[in-house]
Amino acid sequence: MLEVLTLEALRAAADRIRPYVLRTPVLAQPFAHGTIYAKAESLQPIGAFKIRGAFSLMTTLPPGTAGVIAHSSGNHAQAVARAGKVLGLPAVVVMPRDAPPLKRERTEADGAEVIEVGNDSQERIDRAKALEIERNLVPVPPYDHPLIAAGQGTAAVELIEDAPPLDRFYCPVSGGGLLAGCATAFKALSPQTQVIGVEPADANDTFLSFQRGERVTIPPPTTMADGLRVRTPGALTWPVVKARVDRIVTVTEDDLLAAMAYGLQHLRVVLEPSGAAALAACLTEGQGRCGVLLSGGNVEAKRLAEALDRA
């Protein structure tokens, strides 16, 4: 994917998705060691950046497509459901039993058929593959596809255009689509910016892969950041992440809760645990002008109350 995930691919994706996604604001906030420039993807129509990748791929499908199939714990599910509704494409989504009820409800509200499986990400992948073959559906992967990664990377292009030159950019990482796309944008448009991937300590597959120089598979994570519970980096995204990302850091569950509280108190945005990961890392180690990708805000009220109590 290194050869096809280029700035030109990101520009083309931006043209395709422009009618359907929000150009989210950049929220500037001084903090102890510099200034945060937060790209608030939590304000997208479905509450997460995933809508960029879904529309990037699904707008390329030919007329007469029978439908699409996806697997997701929540935000990608909502994105595929919304894109399917807007584009007139039937959508089927495989979700785990422990998916946040709010995310499942919103996925079904946009007309997608939800198939429930166990909590392991591999089980979702296997069931989605079987349905793809059985029903002749087009797969819309959550991250491991050049059109998905290109769509996600448009968020970084906008951040680079709307913020002053950045010293660091913090981005959450699960399978690597968002990080691969954003790293591509920064290496092309702002090569002086250090690109830093962030994941929970309990879901540290990319961190370990960076250490060993090859993809590592970990046991099923239990982190509260349900959107980051991937067990191994994407086969296609990993070479891009390895080549274009400067380093990977991890954050604790307490760091996530603290960042969610900080988002409410200082940035005035609601963040889910996954969406707060990049902010958590910035608050822990950031210096200078720090770009931060706030990836999602679809959080249950109980979890949000926990963040405020912990703060």
C-alpha atoms as a PDB file:
ATOM      1  CA  MET A   1       0.000   0.000   0.000  1.00  0.00           C
ATOM      2  CA  LEU A   2       3.019   2.299   0.268  1.00  0.00           C
ATOM      3  CA  GLU A   3       2.905   2.893  -3.485  1.00  0.00           C
ATOM      4  CA  VAL A   4      -0.821   3.694  -3.715  1.00  0.00           C
ATOM      5  CA  LEU A   5      -1.403   5.564  -0.436  1.00  0.00           C
ATOM      6  CA  THR A   6      -0.077   8.914  -1.593  1.00  0.00           C
ATOM      7  CA  LEU A   7      -0.972  12.570  -1.146  1.00  0.00           C
ATOM      8  CA  GLU A   8      -2.695  12.393  -4.534  1.00  0.00           C
ATOM      9  CA  ALA A   9      -4.867   9.524  -3.244  1.00  0.00           C
ATOM     10  CA  LEU A  10      -5.803  11.602  -0.200  1.00  0.00           C
ATOM     11  CA  ARG A  11      -6.695  14.575  -2.406  1.00  0.00           C
ATOM     12  CA  ALA A  12      -8.908  12.358  -4.575  1.00  0.00           C
ATOM     13  CA  ALA A  13     -10.622  10.955  -1.487  1.00  0.00           C
ATOM     14  CA  ALA A  14     -11.252  14.481  -0.216  1.00  0.00           C
ATOM     15  CA  ASP A  15     -13.016  15.341  -3.482  1.00  0.00           C
ATOM     16  CA  ARG A  16     -15.237  12.223  -3.247  1.00  0.00           C
ATOM     17  CA  ILE A  17     -16.294  12.672   0.353  1.00  0.00           C
ATOM     18  CA  ARG A  18     -16.664  16.465   0.464  1.00  0.00           C
ATOM     19  CA  PRO A  19     -20.481  16.440   0.004  1.00  0.00           C
ATOM     20  CA  TYR A  20     -20.967  13.974   2.858  1.00  0.00           C
ATOM     21  CA  VAL A  21     -18.589  14.831   5.716  1.00  0.00           C
ATOM     22  CA  LEU A  22     -17.966  17.800   7.951  1.00  0.00           C
ATOM     23  CA  ARG A  23     -14.751  19.788   7.808  1.00  0.00           C
ATOM     24  CA  THR A  24     -14.335  19.581  11.558  1.00  0.00           C
ATOM     25  CA  PRO A  25     -12.965  22.496  13.563  1.00  0.00           C
ATOM     26  CA  VAL A  26      -9.499  22.678  15.070  1.00  0.00           C
ATOM     27  CA  LEU A  27      -9.734  23.594  18.756  1.00  0.00           C
ATOM     28  CA  ALA A  28      -6.708  25.457  20.119  1.00  0.00           C
ATOM     29  CA  GLN A  29      -6.016  25.083  23.853  1.00  0.00           C
ATOM     30  CA  PRO A  30      -2.890  26.086  25.818  1.00  0.00           C
ATOM     31  CA  PHE A  31      -1.618  23.430  28.210  1.00  0.00           C
ATOM     32  CA  ALA A  32       1.342  22.992  30.557  1.00  0.00           C
ATOM     33  CA  HIS A  33       3.970  22.392  27.867  1.00  0.00           C
ATOM     34  CA  GLY A  34       2.645  24.175  24.790  1.00  0.00           C
ATOM     35  CA  THR A  35      -0.577  24.367  22.796  1.00  0.00           C
ATOM     36  CA  ILE A  36      -2.965  21.628  21.741  1.00  0.00           C
ATOM     37  CA  TYR A  37      -4.542  21.852  18.274  1.00  0.00           C
ATOM     38  CA  ALA A  38      -7.340  19.300  18.468  1.00  0.00           C
ATOM     39  CA  LYS A  39      -9.019  18.053  15.293  1.00  0.00           C
ATOM     40  CA  ALA A  40     -12.537  17.362  16.584  1.00  0.00           C
ATOM     41  CA  GLU A  41     -13.639  14.372  14.507  1.00  0.00           C
ATOM     42  CA  SER A  42     -16.028  13.587  17.360  1.00  0.00           C
ATOM     43  CA  LEU A  43     -18.264  16.242  15.769  1.00  0.00           C
ATOM     44  CA  GLN A  44     -18.764  14.314  12.515  1.00  0.00           C
ATOM     45  CA  PRO A  45     -22.417  13.422  11.672  1.00  0.00           C
ATOM     46  CA  ILE A  46     -21.951   9.909  13.114  1.00  0.00           C
ATOM     47  CA  GLY A  47     -19.694  11.121  15.916  1.00  0.00           C
ATOM     48  CA  ALA A  48     -16.410   9.700  14.580  1.00  0.00           C
ATOM     49  CA  PHE A  49     -13.787   9.954  11.835  1.00  0.00           C
ATOM     50  CA  LYS A  50     -14.842   6.605  10.347  1.00  0.00           C
ATOM     51  CA  ILE A  51     -17.360   8.311   8.093  1.00  0.00           C
ATOM     52  CA  ARG A  52     -14.471   9.578   5.946  1.00  0.00           C
ATOM     53  CA  GLY A  53     -13.200   6.112   5.047  1.00  0.00           C
ATOM     54  CA  ALA A  54     -16.656   4.628   4.507  1.00  0.00           C
ATOM     55  CA  PHE A  55     -17.659   7.286   1.986  1.00  0.00           C
ATOM     56  CA  SER A  56     -14.201   7.199   0.372  1.00  0.00           C
ATOM     57  CA  LEU A  57     -14.667   3.541  -0.560  1.00  0.00           C
ATOM     58  CA  MET A  58     -18.424   3.326  -1.023  1.00  0.00           C
ATOM     59  CA  THR A  59     -18.628   6.266  -3.465  1.00  0.00           C
ATOM     60  CA  THR A  60     -16.462   4.226  -5.846  1.00  0.00           C
ATOM     61  CA  LEU A  61     -18.867   1.251  -6.038  1.00  0.00           C
ATOM     62  CA  PRO A  62     -20.611   0.690  -9.396  1.00  0.00           C
ATOM     63  CA  PRO A  63     -24.382   0.915  -9.909  1.00  0.00           C
ATOM     64  CA  GLY A  64     -26.133  -2.362  -9.222  1.00  0.00           C
ATOM     65  CA  THR A  65     -23.936  -3.305  -6.257  1.00  0.00           C
ATOM     66  CA  ALA A  66     -25.944  -5.790  -4.178  1.00  0.00           C
ATOM     67  CA  GLY A  67     -24.841  -4.272  -0.886  1.00  0.00           C
ATOM     68  CA  VAL A  68     -21.916  -3.956   1.494  1.00  0.00           C
ATOM     69  CA  ILE A  69     -20.651  -5.936   4.489  1.00  0.00           C
ATOM     70  CA  ALA A  70     -18.564  -4.639   7.397  1.00  0.00           C
ATOM     71  CA  HIS A  71     -17.401  -5.793  10.817  1.00  0.00           C
ATOM     72  CA  SER A  72     -17.029  -3.357  13.678  1.00  0.00           C
ATOM     73  CA  SER A  73     -17.473  -2.764  17.385  1.00  0.00           C
ATOM     74  CA  GLY A  74     -19.270   0.474  16.674  1.00  0.00           C
ATOM     75  CA  ASN A  75     -17.974   3.579  14.897  1.00  0.00           C
ATOM     76  CA  HIS A  76     -17.141   1.897  11.590  1.00  0.00           C
ATOM     77  CA  ALA A  77     -20.523   0.175  11.814  1.00  0.00           C
ATOM     78  CA  GLN A  78     -22.249   3.538  12.118  1.00  0.00           C
ATOM     79  CA  ALA A  79     -20.210   4.977   9.269  1.00  0.00           C
ATOM     80  CA  VAL A  80     -21.057   2.141   6.867  1.00  0.00           C
ATOM     81  CA  ALA A  81     -24.719   2.271   7.885  1.00  0.00           C
ATOM     82  CA  ARG A  82     -24.907   6.030   7.287  1.00  0.00           C
ATOM     83  CA  ALA A  83     -23.053   5.868   3.964  1.00  0.00           C
ATOM     84  CA  GLY A  84     -25.296   3.019   2.866  1.00  0.00           C
ATOM     85  CA  LYS A  85     -28.405   5.013   3.747  1.00  0.00           C
ATOM     86  CA  VAL A  86     -27.197   8.123   1.913  1.00  0.00           C
ATOM     87  CA  LEU A  87     -25.941   6.236  -1.161  1.00  0.00           C
ATOM     88  CA  GLY A  88     -28.832   3.768  -1.332  1.00  0.00           C
ATOM     89  CA  LEU A  89     -26.713   0.682  -0.620  1.00  0.00           C
ATOM     90  CA  PRO A  90     -27.984  -2.122   1.655  1.00  0.00           C
ATOM     91  CA  ALA A  91     -25.560  -2.569   4.547  1.00  0.00           C
ATOM     92  CA  VAL A  92     -24.897  -5.599   6.759  1.00  0.00           C
ATOM     93  CA  VAL A  93     -22.665  -5.172   9.819  1.00  0.00           C
ATOM     94  CA  VAL A  94     -21.188  -7.862  12.073  1.00  0.00           C
ATOM     95  CA  MET A  95     -20.885  -6.541  15.641  1.00  0.00           C
ATOM     96  CA  PRO A  96     -19.658  -8.113  18.895  1.00  0.00           C
ATOM     97  CA  ARG A  97     -22.041  -8.815  21.744  1.00  0.00           C
ATOM     98  CA  ASP A  98     -20.252  -6.298  23.952  1.00  0.00           C
ATOM     99  CA  ALA A  99     -20.523  -3.446  21.449  1.00  0.00           C
ATOM    100  CA  PRO A 100     -21.746  -0.280  23.187  1.00  0.00           C
ATOM    101  CA  PRO A 101     -25.567  -0.293  22.963  1.00  0.00           C
ATOM    102  CA  LEU A 102     -25.575   3.320  21.762  1.00  0.00           C
ATOM    103  CA  LYS A 103     -23.440   2.440  18.741  1.00  0.00           C
ATOM    104  CA  ARG A 104     -25.558  -0.575  17.844  1.00  0.00           C
ATOM    105  CA  GLU A 105     -28.787   1.426  18.160  1.00  0.00           C
ATOM    106  CA  ARG A 106     -27.482   4.136  15.839  1.00  0.00           C
ATOM    107  CA  THR A 107     -26.239   1.562  13.330  1.00  0.00           C
ATOM    108  CA  GLU A 108     -29.680  -0.040  13.174  1.00  0.00           C
ATOM    109  CA  ALA A 109     -31.397   3.356  13.088  1.00  0.00           C
ATOM    110  CA  ASP A 110     -29.665   4.055   9.766  1.00  0.00           C
ATOM    111  CA  GLY A 111     -31.118   0.864   8.314  1.00  0.00           C
ATOM    112  CA  ALA A 112     -28.203  -1.554   8.565  1.00  0.00           C
ATOM    113  CA  GLU A 113     -28.779  -5.227   9.355  1.00  0.00           C
ATOM    114  CA  VAL A 114     -26.739  -6.143  12.449  1.00  0.00           C
ATOM    115  CA  ILE A 115     -25.373  -9.679  12.891  1.00  0.00           C
ATOM    116  CA  GLU A 116     -24.183 -10.365  16.442  1.00  0.00           C
ATOM    117  CA  VAL A 117     -21.161 -12.563  17.245  1.00  0.00           C
ATOM    118  CA  GLY A 118     -18.729 -13.047  20.145  1.00  0.00           C
ATOM    119  CA  ASN A 119     -16.337 -10.411  21.413  1.00  0.00           C
ATOM    120  CA  ASP A 120     -13.112 -11.464  19.653  1.00  0.00           C
ATOM    121  CA  SER A 121     -12.227  -9.357  16.601  1.00  0.00           C
ATOM    122  CA  GLN A 122     -11.214 -12.470  14.621  1.00  0.00           C
ATOM    123  CA  GLU A 123     -14.729 -13.891  15.029  1.00  0.00           C
ATOM    124  CA  ARG A 124     -16.142 -10.719  13.475  1.00  0.00           C
ATOM    125  CA  ILE A 125     -13.727 -10.983  10.566  1.00  0.00           C
ATOM    126  CA  ASP A 126     -14.568 -14.633   9.884  1.00  0.00           C
ATOM    127  CA  ARG A 127     -18.347 -14.109  10.012  1.00  0.00           C
ATOM    128  CA  ALA A 128     -18.174 -11.071   7.729  1.00  0.00           C
ATOM    129  CA  LYS A 129     -16.139 -13.061   5.174  1.00  0.00           C
ATOM    130  CA  ALA A 130     -18.724 -15.835   5.174  1.00  0.00           C
ATOM    131  CA  LEU A 131     -21.583 -13.363   4.625  1.00  0.00           C
ATOM    132  CA  GLU A 132     -19.641 -11.624   1.855  1.00  0.00           C
ATOM    133  CA  ILE A 133     -19.504 -14.884  -0.101  1.00  0.00           C
ATOM    134  CA  GLU A 134     -22.985 -16.064   0.825  1.00  0.00           C
ATOM    135  CA  ARG A 135     -24.785 -12.839  -0.177  1.00  0.00           C
ATOM    136  CA  ASN A 136     -22.417 -11.452  -2.841  1.00  0.00           C
ATOM    137  CA  LEU A 137     -21.696  -8.350  -0.772  1.00  0.00           C
ATOM    138  CA  VAL A 138     -18.807  -5.900  -1.176  1.00  0.00           C
ATOM    139  CA  PRO A 139     -16.585  -5.743   1.923  1.00  0.00           C
ATOM    140  CA  VAL A 140     -15.910  -2.355   3.504  1.00  0.00           C
ATOM    141  CA  PRO A 141     -12.964  -3.077   5.837  1.00  0.00           C
ATOM    142  CA  PRO A 142     -12.542  -0.958   8.969  1.00  0.00           C
ATOM    143  CA  TYR A 143      -8.933  -0.079   8.113  1.00  0.00           C
ATOM    144  CA  ASP A 144      -7.035  -2.482   5.831  1.00  0.00           C
ATOM    145  CA  HIS A 145      -7.808  -0.930   2.433  1.00  0.00           C
ATOM    146  CA  PRO A 146      -6.130   1.929   0.523  1.00  0.00           C
ATOM    147  CA  LEU A 147      -9.410   3.784  -0.104  1.00  0.00           C
ATOM    148  CA  ILE A 148     -10.334   3.560   3.575  1.00  0.00           C
ATOM    149  CA  ALA A 149      -6.919   4.816   4.703  1.00  0.00           C
ATOM    150  CA  ALA A 150      -6.978   7.610   2.112  1.00  0.00           C
ATOM    151  CA  GLY A 151     -10.369   8.766   3.366  1.00  0.00           C
ATOM    152  CA  GLN A 152      -9.237   8.762   6.976  1.00  0.00           C
ATOM    153  CA  GLY A 153      -6.090  10.673   6.071  1.00  0.00           C
ATOM    154  CA  THR A 154      -8.128  13.626   4.804  1.00  0.00           C
ATOM    155  CA  ALA A 155      -8.585  14.641   8.460  1.00  0.00           C
ATOM    156  CA  ALA A 156      -4.835  15.254   8.718  1.00  0.00           C
ATOM    157  CA  VAL A 157      -4.764  17.237   5.479  1.00  0.00           C
ATOM    158  CA  GLU A 158      -7.396  19.566   6.930  1.00  0.00           C
ATOM    159  CA  LEU A 159      -5.519  19.863  10.229  1.00  0.00           C
ATOM    160  CA  ILE A 160      -2.297  20.794   8.447  1.00  0.00           C
ATOM    161  CA  GLU A 161      -4.169  23.440   6.444  1.00  0.00           C
ATOM    162  CA  ASP A 162      -6.018  24.911   9.446  1.00  0.00           C
ATOM    163  CA  ALA A 163      -3.377  24.845  12.208  1.00  0.00           C
ATOM    164  CA  PRO A 164       0.044  26.509  12.487  1.00  0.00           C
ATOM    165  CA  PRO A 165       3.106  24.324  11.829  1.00  0.00           C
ATOM    166  CA  LEU A 166       3.037  21.468  14.330  1.00  0.00           C
ATOM    167  CA  ASP A 167       5.915  19.955  16.297  1.00  0.00           C
ATOM    168  CA  ARG A 168       4.033  16.717  17.075  1.00  0.00           C
ATOM    169  CA  PHE A 169       0.919  14.939  15.883  1.00  0.00           C
ATOM    170  CA  TYR A 170      -0.793  12.365  18.109  1.00  0.00           C
ATOM    171  CA  CYS A 171      -3.137   9.851  16.486  1.00  0.00           C
ATOM    172  CA  PRO A 172      -4.935   6.792  17.880  1.00  0.00           C
ATOM    173  CA  VAL A 173      -4.138   3.438  16.276  1.00  0.00           C
ATOM    174  CA  SER A 174      -6.135   0.208  16.102  1.00  0.00           C
ATOM    175  CA  GLY A 175      -5.664  -1.554  12.777  1.00  0.00           C
ATOM    176  CA  GLY A 176      -3.738   1.389  11.349  1.00  0.00           C
ATOM    177  CA  GLY A 177      -5.981   2.911   8.660  1.00  0.00           C
ATOM    178  CA  LEU A 178      -6.312   6.308  10.323  1.00  0.00           C
ATOM    179  CA  LEU A 179      -2.656   6.431  11.357  1.00  0.00           C
ATOM    180  CA  ALA A 180      -1.411   5.314   7.923  1.00  0.00           C
ATOM    181  CA  GLY A 181      -3.520   7.926   6.148  1.00  0.00           C
ATOM    182  CA  CYS A 182      -2.598  10.724   8.544  1.00  0.00           C
ATOM    183  CA  ALA A 183       1.107   9.841   8.495  1.00  0.00           C
ATOM    184  CA  THR A 184       1.022   9.981   4.699  1.00  0.00           C
ATOM    185  CA  ALA A 185      -0.412  13.497   4.865  1.00  0.00           C
ATOM    186  CA  PHE A 186       2.173  14.721   7.356  1.00  0.00           C
ATOM    187  CA  LYS A 187       5.188  13.217   5.597  1.00  0.00           C
ATOM    188  CA  ALA A 188       4.065  14.895   2.361  1.00  0.00           C
ATOM    189  CA  LEU A 189       2.922  18.277   3.688  1.00  0.00           C
ATOM    190  CA  SER A 190       4.651  18.757   7.056  1.00  0.00           C
ATOM    191  CA  PRO A 191       7.676  16.437   7.229  1.00  0.00           C
ATOM    192  CA  GLN A 192       9.135  18.288  10.214  1.00  0.00           C
ATOM    193  CA  THR A 193       6.196  17.133  12.387  1.00  0.00           C
ATOM    194  CA  GLN A 194       6.827  14.054  14.518  1.00  0.00           C
ATOM    195  CA  VAL A 195       4.005  11.541  13.935  1.00  0.00           C
ATOM    196  CA  ILE A 196       3.107   9.529  17.045  1.00  0.00           C
ATOM    197  CA  GLY A 197       0.643   6.647  17.195  1.00  0.00           C
ATOM    198  CA  VAL A 198      -1.215   6.026  20.459  1.00  0.00           C
ATOM    199  CA  GLU A 199      -2.867   2.878  21.791  1.00  0.00           C
ATOM    200  CA  PRO A 200      -3.993   1.562  25.189  1.00  0.00           C
ATOM    201  CA  ALA A 201      -1.410  -0.380  27.169  1.00  0.00           C
ATOM    202  CA  ASP A 202      -3.805  -3.349  27.125  1.00  0.00           C
ATOM    203  CA  ALA A 203      -4.041  -3.230  23.293  1.00  0.00           C
ATOM    204  CA  ASN A 204      -0.381  -2.651  22.438  1.00  0.00           C
ATOM    205  CA  ASP A 205      -0.057  -4.725  19.245  1.00  0.00           C
ATOM    206  CA  THR A 206       1.362  -1.837  17.196  1.00  0.00           C
ATOM    207  CA  PHE A 207       3.697  -0.787  20.009  1.00  0.00           C
ATOM    208  CA  LEU A 208       5.111  -4.308  20.179  1.00  0.00           C
ATOM    209  CA  SER A 209       5.240  -4.573  16.391  1.00  0.00           C
ATOM    210  CA  PHE A 210       7.290  -1.373  16.258  1.00  0.00           C
ATOM    211  CA  GLN A 211       9.723  -2.815  18.800  1.00  0.00           C
ATOM    212  CA  ARG A 212      10.184  -6.074  16.882  1.00  0.00           C
ATOM    213  CA  GLY A 213       9.993  -4.694  13.349  1.00  0.00           C
ATOM    214  CA  GLU A 214       7.208  -7.071  12.340  1.00  0.00           C
ATOM    215  CA  ARG A 215       3.500  -7.578  12.991  1.00  0.00           C
ATOM    216  CA  VAL A 216       2.753  -8.973  16.434  1.00  0.00           C
ATOM    217  CA  THR A 217      -0.503 -10.595  17.556  1.00  0.00           C
ATOM    218  CA  ILE A 218      -1.648 -10.107  21.149  1.00  0.00           C
ATOM    219  CA  PRO A 219      -4.398 -11.777  23.239  1.00  0.00           C
ATOM    220  CA  PRO A 220      -7.893 -10.231  23.026  1.00  0.00           C
ATOM    221  CA  PRO A 221      -7.672  -6.810  24.726  1.00  0.00           C
ATOM    222  CA  THR A 222     -10.079  -5.775  27.467  1.00  0.00           C
ATOM    223  CA  THR A 223      -9.459  -2.010  27.410  1.00  0.00           C
ATOM    224  CA  MET A 224     -12.453   0.301  27.808  1.00  0.00           C
ATOM    225  CA  ALA A 225     -11.420   1.796  24.435  1.00  0.00           C
ATOM    226  CA  ASP A 226     -13.581  -0.615  22.413  1.00  0.00           C
ATOM    227  CA  GLY A 227     -12.588   0.971  19.108  1.00  0.00           C
ATOM    228  CA  LEU A 228      -8.917   0.125  19.711  1.00  0.00           C
ATOM    229  CA  ARG A 229      -9.242  -3.576  20.597  1.00  0.00           C
ATOM    230  CA  VAL A 230      -7.420  -4.905  17.549  1.00  0.00           C
ATOM    231  CA  ARG A 231      -5.074  -7.857  18.076  1.00  0.00           C
ATOM    232  CA  THR A 232      -2.618  -7.236  15.229  1.00  0.00           C
ATOM    233  CA  PRO A 233      -1.838  -4.353  12.852  1.00  0.00           C
ATOM    234  CA  GLY A 234      -3.408  -4.504   9.400  1.00  0.00           C
ATOM    235  CA  ALA A 235      -1.460  -6.434   6.781  1.00  0.00           C
ATOM    236  CA  LEU A 236      -1.724  -3.524   4.318  1.00  0.00           C
ATOM    237  CA  THR A 237      -1.491  -0.639   6.769  1.00  0.00           C
ATOM    238  CA  TRP A 238       1.495  -1.992   8.713  1.00  0.00           C
ATOM    239  CA  PRO A 239       4.150  -1.255   6.045  1.00  0.00           C
ATOM    240  CA  VAL A 240       2.888   2.338   5.832  1.00  0.00           C
ATOM    241  CA  VAL A 241       2.852   2.777   9.599  1.00  0.00           C
ATOM    242  CA  LYS A 242       6.324   1.256   9.902  1.00  0.00           C
ATOM    243  CA  ALA A 243       7.726   3.554   7.201  1.00  0.00           C
ATOM    244  CA  ARG A 244       5.961   6.843   7.989  1.00  0.00           C
ATOM    245  CA  VAL A 245       5.297   6.909  11.747  1.00  0.00           C
ATOM    246  CA  ASP A 246       8.049   8.072  14.083  1.00  0.00           C
ATOM    247  CA  ARG A 247       7.028   6.200  17.220  1.00  0.00           C
ATOM    248  CA  ILE A 248       4.195   4.493  19.121  1.00  0.00           C
ATOM    249  CA  VAL A 249       3.272   5.226  22.732  1.00  0.00           C
ATOM    250  CA  THR A 250       0.753   3.659  25.101  1.00  0.00           C
ATOM    251  CA  VAL A 251      -1.648   5.141  27.637  1.00  0.00           C
ATOM    252  CA  THR A 252      -3.335   3.686  30.719  1.00  0.00           C
ATOM    253  CA  GLU A 253      -7.050   3.369  31.419  1.00  0.00           C
ATOM    254  CA  ASP A 254      -6.725   6.187  33.956  1.00  0.00           C
ATOM    255  CA  ASP A 255      -5.051   8.340  31.284  1.00  0.00           C
ATOM    256  CA  LEU A 256      -8.063   7.755  29.009  1.00  0.00           C
ATOM    257  CA  LEU A 257     -10.538   8.786  31.698  1.00  0.00           C
ATOM    258  CA  ALA A 258      -8.496  11.872  32.543  1.00  0.00           C
ATOM    259  CA  ALA A 259      -8.386  12.881  28.884  1.00  0.00           C
ATOM    260  CA  MET A 260     -12.157  12.439  28.551  1.00  0.00           C
ATOM    261  CA  ALA A 261     -12.614  14.767  31.531  1.00  0.00           C
ATOM    262  CA  TYR A 262     -10.113  17.257  30.070  1.00  0.00           C
ATOM    263  CA  GLY A 263     -12.042  17.245  26.793  1.00  0.00           C
ATOM    264  CA  LEU A 264     -15.238  18.220  28.594  1.00  0.00           C
ATOM    265  CA  GLN A 265     -13.679  20.771  30.922  1.00  0.00           C
ATOM    266  CA  HIS A 266     -11.253  22.524  28.563  1.00  0.00           C
ATOM    267  CA  LEU A 267     -12.154  21.712  24.945  1.00  0.00           C
ATOM    268  CA  ARG A 268     -15.911  21.458  25.593  1.00  0.00           C
ATOM    269  CA  VAL A 269     -16.268  18.250  23.600  1.00  0.00           C
ATOM    270  CA  VAL A 270     -17.570  14.812  24.520  1.00  0.00           C
ATOM    271  CA  LEU A 271     -15.069  12.003  23.892  1.00  0.00           C
ATOM    272  CA  GLU A 272     -15.330   8.231  24.118  1.00  0.00           C
ATOM    273  CA  PRO A 273     -12.292   6.364  25.507  1.00  0.00           C
ATOM    274  CA  SER A 274     -10.954   5.525  22.027  1.00  0.00           C
ATOM    275  CA  GLY A 275     -11.478   9.107  20.928  1.00  0.00           C
ATOM    276  CA  ALA A 276      -9.517  10.414  23.897  1.00  0.00           C
ATOM    277  CA  ALA A 277      -6.402   8.249  23.401  1.00  0.00           C
ATOM    278  CA  ALA A 278      -4.375  10.769  21.392  1.00  0.00           C
ATOM    279  CA  LEU A 279      -5.267  13.546  23.819  1.00  0.00           C
ATOM    280  CA  ALA A 280      -4.240  11.312  26.740  1.00  0.00           C
ATOM    281  CA  ALA A 281      -0.773  10.832  25.252  1.00  0.00           C
ATOM    282  CA  CYS A 282      -0.390  14.537  24.527  1.00  0.00           C
ATOM    283  CA  LEU A 283      -1.322  15.473  28.090  1.00  0.00           C
ATOM    284  CA  THR A 284       1.185  12.915  29.377  1.00  0.00           C
ATOM    285  CA  GLU A 285       4.220  13.791  27.237  1.00  0.00           C
ATOM    286  CA  GLY A 286       3.357  16.517  24.716  1.00  0.00           C
ATOM    287  CA  GLN A 287       5.564  19.543  24.118  1.00  0.00           C
ATOM    288  CA  GLY A 288       5.303  22.529  21.805  1.00  0.00           C
ATOM    289  CA  ARG A 289       2.575  22.786  19.168  1.00  0.00           C
ATOM    290  CA  CYS A 290       0.764  19.446  19.317  1.00  0.00           C
ATOM    291  CA  GLY A 291      -1.827  18.272  16.838  1.00  0.00           C
ATOM    292  CA  VAL A 292      -4.282  15.810  18.372  1.00  0.00           C
ATOM    293  CA  LEU A 293      -6.855  13.675  16.547  1.00  0.00           C
ATOM    294  CA  LEU A 294     -10.039  13.416  18.651  1.00  0.00           C
ATOM    295  CA  SER A 295     -11.372  10.399  16.821  1.00  0.00           C
ATOM    296  CA  GLY A 296     -14.818   9.829  18.340  1.00  0.00           C
ATOM    297  CA  GLY A 297     -17.444  10.933  20.833  1.00  0.00           C
ATOM    298  CA  ASN A 298     -19.958   8.077  20.962  1.00  0.00           C
ATOM    299  CA  VAL A 299     -19.839   7.339  24.667  1.00  0.00           C
ATOM    300  CA  GLU A 300     -22.363   5.842  27.039  1.00  0.00           C
ATOM    301  CA  ALA A 301     -23.554   8.177  29.809  1.00  0.00           C
ATOM    302  CA  LYS A 302     -22.283   5.788  32.501  1.00  0.00           C
ATOM    303  CA  ARG A 303     -18.736   5.837  31.105  1.00  0.00           C
ATOM    304  CA  LEU A 304     -18.805   9.600  30.780  1.00  0.00           C
ATOM    305  CA  ALA A 305     -19.892   9.939  34.413  1.00  0.00           C
ATOM    306  CA  GLU A 306     -17.024   7.625  35.411  1.00  0.00           C
ATOM    307  CA  ALA A 307     -14.553   9.912  33.661  1.00  0.00           C
ATOM    308  CA  LEU A 308     -15.849  12.938  35.525  1.00  0.00           C
ATOM    309  CA  ASP A 309     -15.830  11.094  38.853  1.00  0.00           C
ATOM    310  CA  ARG A 310     -12.253   9.899  38.276  1.00  0.00           C
ATOM    311  CA  ALA A 311     -11.154  13.436  37.409  1.00  0.00           C
END
